[in-house]
Amino acid sequence: MEGDVSFMCPKCGKAKIVRTKHERKLATQYTCPECGFTGPN
């Protein structure tokens, strides 16, 4: 959808993280399923 983004985990680079426009606006946390990194910090 428009406004959604996907990117590789900024820590390990192994898992693809997908964030909706709504999640980004609320700054909800995500957790990498590979390394456990959480963001945004």
Protein backbone atom coordinates (compact mmCIF):
# COMPACT_ATOMS: atom_id res chain seq x y z
CA MET A 1 0.00 0.00 0.00
CA GLU A 2 1.04 3.58 -0.40
CA GLY A 3 3.18 4.79 2.48
CA ASP A 4 4.28 1.29 3.52
CA VAL A 5 7.99 0.53 3.67
CA SER A 6 10.07 -2.61 3.86
CA PHE A 7 13.74 -2.85 4.76
CA MET A 8 16.27 -5.34 6.01
CA CYS A 9 16.98 -5.37 9.75
CA PRO A 10 19.43 -2.53 10.47
CA LYS A 11 21.37 -4.72 12.92
CA CYS A 12 21.72 -8.14 11.29
CA GLY A 13 20.50 -7.54 7.72
CA LYS A 14 18.92 -11.01 7.61
CA ALA A 15 15.18 -10.35 8.12
CA LYS A 16 12.86 -8.16 6.09
CA ILE A 17 10.88 -5.72 8.22
CA VAL A 18 7.60 -4.36 6.82
CA ARG A 19 6.06 -1.21 8.31
CA THR A 20 2.70 0.28 7.39
CA LYS A 21 2.12 4.00 7.13
CA HIS A 22 -0.01 3.79 10.27
CA GLU A 23 2.67 1.93 12.26
CA ARG A 24 5.28 4.46 11.19
CA LYS A 25 3.06 7.39 12.16
CA LEU A 26 2.49 5.91 15.64
CA ALA A 27 6.17 4.88 15.91
CA THR A 28 5.16 1.40 17.05
CA GLN A 29 8.03 -0.92 17.85
CA TYR A 30 9.06 -3.86 15.71
CA THR A 31 11.26 -6.80 16.62
CA CYS A 32 13.56 -8.62 14.22
CA PRO A 33 12.69 -12.34 14.23
CA GLU A 34 16.32 -13.24 13.52
CA CYS A 35 18.34 -11.23 16.05
CA GLY A 36 15.74 -9.69 18.40
CA PHE A 37 16.64 -6.09 17.55
CA THR A 38 13.80 -3.69 18.36
CA GLY A 39 13.16 -0.32 16.81
CA PRO A 40 12.48 2.49 16.45
CA ASN A 41 14.55 3.59 19.39
